[in-house]
Each structure stands twice: as structure tokens, then as C-alpha cells.
């Protein structure tokens, strides 16, 4: 997976921050969905790699529970974690026990969605 994520980093559009991120989602049917961060001069219009991949999956017809694993790589020697906007979207489509793998160029850490989002805001809060 590391090699695929490294190659995918080349597609990132990080013109402003130079902080490239790639993401691969493995669906329960083993479909692979890629995503990269796409920045914009209006920073609020930037989309993170995780939300890019998740919304692509939704557009393909996938629903909550279909999303099995999330693999995220930052173009760094340090591990990066998803921002809180991405964590909110992750909790909307991934089950609590879904695996999340975080990569740097020389490291990998494994978590669950519950580890990253112990107190999610969801339909129970509405």
C-alpha cells in the first residue's frame, strides 16, 4: 500500500502549502478508491485527500458500512492525522471499528475510527 500512496502523492495539488497528502480507501468489496488533497487560493475551498476519496465513494453508490479501511500518507517523515473536518466525515461513513492506517515516508501507525474519534457527533446528537 505504501508504494501506491507514494505514487498517488504525485497527483496532489498542494501549490500553496506544499503539504501533499494521498489517501486510499479499501471498500468491503475490495474496490480501491484514491484521493489527494486539492488546494485552492481560497483556502476554505481546499478539499482534503480523505474527503476527496470518501465523497468519490459516495458518488459511486457506496453507503456507511461499505467503507472498510482508510490509508493516509503525508509527504513527510512524520505521521500526520486527519483534520477534524475529515474526522467528522470519516465517522459518517466508516464503522467505529474500521481500520485507519497513517503513513509517513518511513513509518506507519494503525488505529481504528473509534481511536481517532472517541466522541463522534452523529445522528444520536440530533
N, C-alpha and C. Protein backbone atom coordinates (compact mmCIF):
# COMPACT_ATOMS: atom_id res chain seq x y z
N UNK A 1 0.83 -1.20 0.00
CA UNK A 1 0.00 0.00 0.00
C UNK A 1 0.87 1.26 0.00
N UNK A 2 2.00 1.19 0.71
CA UNK A 2 2.90 2.36 0.79
C UNK A 2 3.31 2.86 -0.59
N UNK A 3 3.66 1.93 -1.47
CA UNK A 3 4.10 2.33 -2.81
C UNK A 3 2.97 3.02 -3.59
N UNK A 4 1.76 2.51 -3.45
CA UNK A 4 0.61 3.11 -4.14
C UNK A 4 0.35 4.52 -3.61
N UNK A 5 0.45 4.68 -2.29
CA UNK A 5 0.24 6.00 -1.69
C UNK A 5 1.33 6.99 -2.11
N UNK A 6 2.57 6.51 -2.16
CA UNK A 6 3.68 7.39 -2.58
C UNK A 6 3.48 7.85 -4.02
N UNK A 7 3.09 6.94 -4.89
CA UNK A 7 2.84 7.29 -6.29
C UNK A 7 1.68 8.27 -6.39
N UNK A 8 0.63 8.05 -5.61
CA UNK A 8 -0.55 8.91 -5.62
C UNK A 8 -0.22 10.33 -5.14
N UNK A 9 0.77 10.47 -4.26
CA UNK A 9 1.18 11.81 -3.80
C UNK A 9 1.50 12.73 -4.97
N UNK A 10 1.98 12.17 -6.07
CA UNK A 10 2.34 12.97 -7.25
C UNK A 10 1.13 13.70 -7.82
N UNK A 11 -0.08 13.21 -7.55
CA UNK A 11 -1.29 13.84 -8.08
C UNK A 11 -1.85 14.93 -7.18
N UNK A 12 -1.29 15.06 -5.99
CA UNK A 12 -1.75 16.08 -5.06
C UNK A 12 -1.53 17.47 -5.65
N UNK A 13 -2.49 18.36 -5.39
CA UNK A 13 -2.36 19.75 -5.84
C UNK A 13 -2.20 20.59 -4.57
N UNK A 14 -0.94 20.76 -4.17
CA UNK A 14 -0.61 21.48 -2.93
C UNK A 14 0.26 22.69 -3.26
N UNK A 15 -0.22 23.49 -4.17
CA UNK A 15 0.53 24.64 -4.69
C UNK A 15 0.89 25.65 -3.60
N UNK A 16 0.07 25.77 -2.58
CA UNK A 16 0.25 26.82 -1.57
C UNK A 16 0.98 26.32 -0.33
N UNK A 17 0.55 25.23 0.24
CA UNK A 17 1.17 24.73 1.47
C UNK A 17 2.36 23.81 1.20
N UNK A 18 2.39 23.21 0.02
CA UNK A 18 3.38 22.19 -0.33
C UNK A 18 3.26 20.94 0.54
N UNK A 19 2.14 20.80 1.26
CA UNK A 19 1.88 19.66 2.14
C UNK A 19 0.99 18.68 1.39
N UNK A 20 1.64 17.73 0.72
CA UNK A 20 0.91 16.77 -0.11
C UNK A 20 0.38 15.61 0.74
N UNK A 21 -0.85 15.20 0.43
CA UNK A 21 -1.49 14.10 1.14
C UNK A 21 -2.17 13.20 0.12
N UNK A 22 -2.02 11.90 0.31
CA UNK A 22 -2.74 10.93 -0.52
C UNK A 22 -3.53 10.01 0.39
N UNK A 23 -4.56 9.42 -0.19
CA UNK A 23 -5.46 8.56 0.59
C UNK A 23 -5.98 7.45 -0.32
N UNK A 24 -6.08 6.28 0.25
CA UNK A 24 -6.70 5.16 -0.45
C UNK A 24 -7.70 4.52 0.50
N UNK A 25 -8.92 4.36 0.02
CA UNK A 25 -9.94 3.65 0.78
C UNK A 25 -10.10 2.27 0.15
N UNK A 26 -10.14 1.26 1.00
CA UNK A 26 -10.46 -0.09 0.56
C UNK A 26 -11.89 -0.36 1.01
N UNK A 27 -12.74 -0.63 0.02
CA UNK A 27 -14.15 -0.90 0.31
C UNK A 27 -14.32 -2.37 0.67
N UNK A 28 -15.44 -2.71 1.26
CA UNK A 28 -15.69 -4.11 1.66
C UNK A 28 -15.72 -5.06 0.47
N UNK A 29 -16.03 -4.54 -0.73
CA UNK A 29 -15.99 -5.39 -1.93
C UNK A 29 -14.62 -5.37 -2.59
N UNK A 30 -13.61 -4.81 -1.89
CA UNK A 30 -12.20 -4.71 -2.32
C UNK A 30 -11.96 -3.67 -3.42
N UNK A 31 -12.95 -2.86 -3.74
CA UNK A 31 -12.72 -1.73 -4.64
C UNK A 31 -11.78 -0.76 -3.94
N UNK A 32 -10.87 -0.19 -4.72
CA UNK A 32 -9.91 0.79 -4.22
C UNK A 32 -10.34 2.17 -4.71
N UNK A 33 -10.44 3.12 -3.78
CA UNK A 33 -10.82 4.48 -4.14
C UNK A 33 -9.71 5.43 -3.70
N UNK A 34 -9.07 6.13 -4.66
CA UNK A 34 -7.99 7.05 -4.31
C UNK A 34 -8.51 8.46 -4.05
N UNK A 35 -7.68 9.21 -3.34
CA UNK A 35 -7.96 10.63 -3.13
C UNK A 35 -6.66 11.36 -2.85
N UNK A 36 -6.62 12.63 -3.19
CA UNK A 36 -5.48 13.50 -2.88
C UNK A 36 -6.03 14.84 -2.41
N UNK A 37 -5.20 15.60 -1.70
CA UNK A 37 -5.64 16.93 -1.34
C UNK A 37 -5.55 17.84 -2.56
N UNK A 38 -6.54 18.73 -2.66
CA UNK A 38 -6.61 19.68 -3.78
C UNK A 38 -6.80 21.07 -3.15
N UNK A 39 -5.73 21.85 -3.16
CA UNK A 39 -5.77 23.17 -2.55
C UNK A 39 -6.36 24.20 -3.49
N UNK A 40 -6.64 25.37 -2.92
CA UNK A 40 -7.21 26.48 -3.66
C UNK A 40 -6.68 27.76 -3.04
N UNK A 41 -6.54 28.81 -3.84
CA UNK A 41 -6.09 30.09 -3.31
C UNK A 41 -7.03 30.58 -2.21
N UNK A 42 -8.30 30.25 -2.31
CA UNK A 42 -9.25 30.48 -1.23
C UNK A 42 -9.21 29.22 -0.36
N UNK A 43 -8.42 29.27 0.72
CA UNK A 43 -8.13 28.06 1.49
C UNK A 43 -9.38 27.29 1.91
N UNK A 44 -10.48 27.96 2.17
CA UNK A 44 -11.71 27.28 2.56
C UNK A 44 -12.25 26.36 1.48
N UNK A 45 -11.84 26.59 0.24
CA UNK A 45 -12.29 25.76 -0.88
C UNK A 45 -11.41 24.53 -1.08
N UNK A 46 -10.38 24.41 -0.26
CA UNK A 46 -9.48 23.26 -0.34
C UNK A 46 -10.22 22.01 0.12
N UNK A 47 -9.94 20.88 -0.53
CA UNK A 47 -10.50 19.60 -0.09
C UNK A 47 -9.36 18.67 0.28
N UNK A 48 -9.51 18.04 1.43
CA UNK A 48 -8.50 17.10 1.91
C UNK A 48 -8.60 15.78 1.14
N UNK A 49 -7.52 15.03 1.15
CA UNK A 49 -7.48 13.74 0.45
C UNK A 49 -8.55 12.79 0.96
N UNK A 50 -8.76 12.78 2.28
CA UNK A 50 -9.73 11.86 2.86
C UNK A 50 -11.14 12.16 2.37
N UNK A 51 -11.54 13.43 2.42
CA UNK A 51 -12.89 13.79 1.96
C UNK A 51 -13.01 13.62 0.46
N UNK A 52 -11.93 13.82 -0.28
CA UNK A 52 -11.93 13.60 -1.72
C UNK A 52 -12.28 12.14 -2.01
N UNK A 53 -11.61 11.22 -1.33
CA UNK A 53 -11.85 9.79 -1.57
C UNK A 53 -13.24 9.36 -1.06
N UNK A 54 -13.62 9.83 0.12
CA UNK A 54 -14.92 9.43 0.67
C UNK A 54 -16.07 9.90 -0.21
N UNK A 55 -16.03 11.15 -0.65
CA UNK A 55 -17.12 11.65 -1.48
C UNK A 55 -17.14 10.97 -2.84
N UNK A 56 -15.99 10.55 -3.33
CA UNK A 56 -15.95 9.76 -4.57
C UNK A 56 -16.66 8.43 -4.34
N UNK A 57 -16.39 7.81 -3.21
CA UNK A 57 -17.08 6.55 -2.88
C UNK A 57 -18.59 6.72 -2.81
N UNK A 58 -19.04 7.81 -2.20
CA UNK A 58 -20.47 8.08 -2.12
C UNK A 58 -21.04 8.28 -3.53
N UNK A 59 -20.32 9.02 -4.36
CA UNK A 59 -20.77 9.25 -5.74
C UNK A 59 -20.85 7.94 -6.53
N UNK A 60 -20.05 6.96 -6.13
CA UNK A 60 -20.07 5.65 -6.79
C UNK A 60 -21.19 4.76 -6.25
N UNK A 61 -21.89 5.24 -5.22
CA UNK A 61 -23.03 4.49 -4.70
C UNK A 61 -22.79 3.77 -3.38
N UNK A 62 -21.61 3.93 -2.79
CA UNK A 62 -21.32 3.27 -1.52
C UNK A 62 -22.00 3.99 -0.36
N UNK A 63 -22.31 3.23 0.68
CA UNK A 63 -23.01 3.72 1.87
C UNK A 63 -22.19 3.41 3.12
N UNK A 64 -22.63 3.97 4.25
CA UNK A 64 -21.99 3.67 5.53
C UNK A 64 -21.96 2.16 5.72
N UNK A 65 -20.83 1.66 6.17
CA UNK A 65 -20.66 0.22 6.34
C UNK A 65 -19.96 -0.43 5.16
N UNK A 66 -19.95 0.23 3.99
CA UNK A 66 -19.24 -0.29 2.82
C UNK A 66 -17.76 0.07 2.86
N UNK A 67 -17.40 1.06 3.69
CA UNK A 67 -16.03 1.58 3.77
C UNK A 67 -15.27 0.74 4.79
N UNK A 68 -14.22 0.03 4.37
CA UNK A 68 -13.55 -0.94 5.24
C UNK A 68 -12.27 -0.40 5.86
N UNK A 69 -11.36 0.13 5.04
CA UNK A 69 -10.06 0.61 5.53
C UNK A 69 -9.74 1.96 4.92
N UNK A 70 -9.02 2.75 5.70
CA UNK A 70 -8.59 4.07 5.25
C UNK A 70 -7.07 4.13 5.40
N UNK A 71 -6.37 4.44 4.30
CA UNK A 71 -4.91 4.55 4.29
C UNK A 71 -4.57 5.99 3.90
N UNK A 72 -3.80 6.67 4.75
CA UNK A 72 -3.49 8.09 4.52
C UNK A 72 -1.98 8.28 4.62
N UNK A 73 -1.41 8.96 3.62
CA UNK A 73 0.02 9.27 3.64
C UNK A 73 0.24 10.76 3.52
N UNK A 74 1.12 11.28 4.36
CA UNK A 74 1.56 12.67 4.23
C UNK A 74 2.97 12.66 3.67
N UNK A 75 3.29 13.68 2.90
CA UNK A 75 4.60 13.81 2.27
C UNK A 75 5.57 14.39 3.30
N UNK A 76 5.94 13.54 4.26
CA UNK A 76 6.74 13.98 5.39
C UNK A 76 7.42 12.78 6.02
N UNK A 77 8.39 13.05 6.87
CA UNK A 77 8.99 11.99 7.66
C UNK A 77 8.22 11.76 8.96
N UNK A 78 7.23 12.62 9.23
CA UNK A 78 6.40 12.48 10.43
C UNK A 78 5.00 12.02 10.03
N UNK A 79 4.37 11.24 10.88
CA UNK A 79 2.98 10.82 10.69
C UNK A 79 2.08 12.04 10.81
N UNK A 80 1.07 12.12 9.98
CA UNK A 80 0.04 13.15 10.10
C UNK A 80 -1.30 12.48 10.35
N UNK A 81 -2.17 13.18 11.05
CA UNK A 81 -3.50 12.64 11.32
C UNK A 81 -4.55 13.47 10.58
N UNK A 82 -5.71 12.91 10.35
CA UNK A 82 -6.77 13.66 9.65
C UNK A 82 -7.20 14.89 10.44
N UNK A 83 -7.54 15.95 9.72
CA UNK A 83 -8.08 17.14 10.37
C UNK A 83 -9.45 16.80 10.95
N UNK A 84 -10.00 17.69 11.76
CA UNK A 84 -11.26 17.37 12.41
C UNK A 84 -12.45 17.42 11.45
N UNK A 85 -12.37 18.20 10.39
CA UNK A 85 -13.45 18.13 9.39
C UNK A 85 -13.46 16.75 8.75
N UNK A 86 -12.28 16.22 8.44
CA UNK A 86 -12.21 14.88 7.86
C UNK A 86 -12.66 13.82 8.85
N UNK A 87 -12.28 13.98 10.10
CA UNK A 87 -12.72 13.00 11.11
C UNK A 87 -14.24 12.96 11.20
N UNK A 88 -14.88 14.11 11.09
CA UNK A 88 -16.34 14.14 11.12
C UNK A 88 -16.92 13.35 9.94
N UNK A 89 -16.35 13.54 8.75
CA UNK A 89 -16.84 12.82 7.56
C UNK A 89 -16.51 11.33 7.67
N UNK A 90 -15.35 11.02 8.21
CA UNK A 90 -14.98 9.61 8.41
C UNK A 90 -16.01 8.92 9.30
N UNK A 91 -16.42 9.57 10.40
CA UNK A 91 -17.40 8.94 11.29
C UNK A 91 -18.76 8.79 10.65
N UNK A 92 -19.04 9.57 9.63
CA UNK A 92 -20.33 9.48 8.92
C UNK A 92 -20.41 8.23 8.05
N UNK A 93 -19.27 7.75 7.54
CA UNK A 93 -19.30 6.65 6.56
C UNK A 93 -18.57 5.38 6.98
N UNK A 94 -17.65 5.47 7.95
CA UNK A 94 -16.92 4.28 8.41
C UNK A 94 -17.51 3.80 9.73
N UNK A 95 -17.51 2.50 9.95
CA UNK A 95 -17.91 1.94 11.24
C UNK A 95 -16.82 2.24 12.28
N UNK A 96 -17.19 2.23 13.54
CA UNK A 96 -16.24 2.58 14.62
C UNK A 96 -15.01 1.70 14.65
N UNK A 97 -15.14 0.44 14.25
CA UNK A 97 -14.01 -0.48 14.31
C UNK A 97 -13.21 -0.56 13.00
N UNK A 98 -13.54 0.29 12.04
CA UNK A 98 -12.80 0.30 10.76
C UNK A 98 -11.35 0.71 11.02
N UNK A 99 -10.44 0.12 10.27
CA UNK A 99 -9.01 0.38 10.43
C UNK A 99 -8.61 1.65 9.68
N UNK A 100 -7.75 2.43 10.33
CA UNK A 100 -7.17 3.63 9.73
C UNK A 100 -5.66 3.48 9.84
N UNK A 101 -4.97 3.51 8.69
CA UNK A 101 -3.52 3.38 8.64
C UNK A 101 -2.93 4.73 8.24
N UNK A 102 -2.03 5.25 9.07
CA UNK A 102 -1.39 6.54 8.81
C UNK A 102 0.07 6.30 8.46
N UNK A 103 0.50 6.89 7.35
CA UNK A 103 1.85 6.66 6.84
C UNK A 103 2.62 7.98 6.72
N UNK A 104 3.91 7.89 6.98
CA UNK A 104 4.85 8.91 6.55
C UNK A 104 5.78 8.19 5.57
N UNK A 105 6.86 8.84 5.17
CA UNK A 105 7.77 8.16 4.25
C UNK A 105 8.45 6.96 4.89
N UNK A 106 8.58 6.98 6.22
CA UNK A 106 9.33 5.89 6.86
C UNK A 106 8.65 5.29 8.08
N UNK A 107 7.36 5.51 8.23
CA UNK A 107 6.66 4.99 9.40
C UNK A 107 5.21 4.68 9.03
N UNK A 108 4.56 3.86 9.87
CA UNK A 108 3.14 3.57 9.71
C UNK A 108 2.58 3.29 11.10
N UNK A 109 1.37 3.82 11.34
CA UNK A 109 0.67 3.57 12.59
C UNK A 109 -0.75 3.14 12.25
N UNK A 110 -1.28 2.22 13.06
CA UNK A 110 -2.63 1.69 12.83
C UNK A 110 -3.56 2.11 13.96
N UNK A 111 -4.74 2.57 13.60
CA UNK A 111 -5.76 2.98 14.55
C UNK A 111 -7.11 2.43 14.09
N UNK A 112 -8.12 2.65 14.90
CA UNK A 112 -9.50 2.45 14.46
C UNK A 112 -10.14 3.82 14.39
N UNK A 113 -11.29 3.88 13.75
CA UNK A 113 -12.03 5.14 13.72
C UNK A 113 -12.35 5.57 15.15
N UNK A 114 -12.71 4.65 15.99
CA UNK A 114 -13.00 4.95 17.40
C UNK A 114 -11.80 5.58 18.09
N UNK A 115 -10.58 5.11 17.77
CA UNK A 115 -9.37 5.70 18.36
C UNK A 115 -9.24 7.17 17.99
N UNK A 116 -9.49 7.48 16.72
CA UNK A 116 -9.33 8.85 16.23
C UNK A 116 -10.51 9.74 16.57
N UNK A 117 -11.67 9.13 16.78
CA UNK A 117 -12.91 9.90 17.01
C UNK A 117 -13.66 9.28 18.19
N UNK A 118 -13.14 9.42 19.41
CA UNK A 118 -13.77 8.74 20.54
C UNK A 118 -15.14 9.29 20.92
N UNK A 119 -15.43 10.53 20.58
CA UNK A 119 -16.71 11.15 20.92
C UNK A 119 -17.32 11.78 19.67
N UNK A 120 -17.81 10.95 18.76
CA UNK A 120 -18.30 11.49 17.48
C UNK A 120 -19.60 12.28 17.64
N UNK A 121 -19.77 13.23 16.78
CA UNK A 121 -21.04 13.92 16.63
C UNK A 121 -21.77 13.19 15.51
N UNK A 122 -22.91 12.57 15.83
CA UNK A 122 -23.62 11.80 14.82
C UNK A 122 -25.13 11.95 15.00
N UNK A 123 -25.88 11.08 14.32
CA UNK A 123 -27.33 11.18 14.33
C UNK A 123 -27.91 11.08 15.75
N UNK A 124 -27.19 10.46 16.66
CA UNK A 124 -27.66 10.36 18.04
C UNK A 124 -27.68 11.73 18.74
N UNK A 125 -26.91 12.67 18.23
CA UNK A 125 -26.85 14.01 18.82
C UNK A 125 -27.91 14.95 18.28
N UNK A 126 -28.66 14.51 17.27
CA UNK A 126 -29.65 15.40 16.65
C UNK A 126 -31.02 15.22 17.26
